[in-house]
Amino acid sequence: MFKCLNVKIVNKGVTLIEMLVAVTMFGIIVGAISGLFISGIRSQRRVLSTQELLDQTSYVMEYMGRALRMAKKDLTGTCIPVKTNYQTNPPTDNWIKFIDYNGICTEFFLDTANKQLKKTAGGATLPLTSTKLQVNSFRISLSGAEQPPTDYLQPRVTIFLEVLGREAAGSRPKIQIQTSISQRNLDVQY
């Protein structure tokens, strides 16, 4: 007269297969999130590098443009040939010399050893671009730099720059920019 009791055993553990599936799913999810995070950081680094390149290149072009726009004629021939506004070095045209608005002989040039734009004025040489940039090309094109009857054009300088950011090789931003600057003062015969 024993009665059989139906006792139900409740299993509170997990099997090995269930554990492996859970760990694998967790690993895939964490890997995907980590990949997105790393991709976002790389993208942000590229954007910041490009922004820095644009900011510095814009500053250099504006600085040179202002100085070239305010250039004066060298009436004495102490800096550049008499009665011209600007002087370059054909065929490379990678520097320009002129008298600035303060009467100082000034030169903008590409330092090919350091790949930097530099300025020489009053005997002092200063860099115009930071070491974070690499200037691959700096070219100047002149028109109207001489007096009549040689030419009757208002002096105009066209500057072309090709600049790279100095980041890791795979994400180096690059910009090519060109601008033309006309001299502010009218070119009249002296």
Foldseek 3Di string as FASTA:
>chain_A
DDDDDDDDDDDPDDDPVVVVVVVVVVVVVVVVVVVVVVVVVVVVVLVVLVVVVVVLVVVLCVVVQVFLQQFDADCPCPQHRHAFAWDADPPQQFKIWTQGNVRWIKMWGQPQVQQFIWMDTPRDIDTSGDSQKHWPGWHKDWDPRHAPPVDDDFIKIKIWTWMWGPDPPVRIDIDIDMDMHTHNDGRDDD
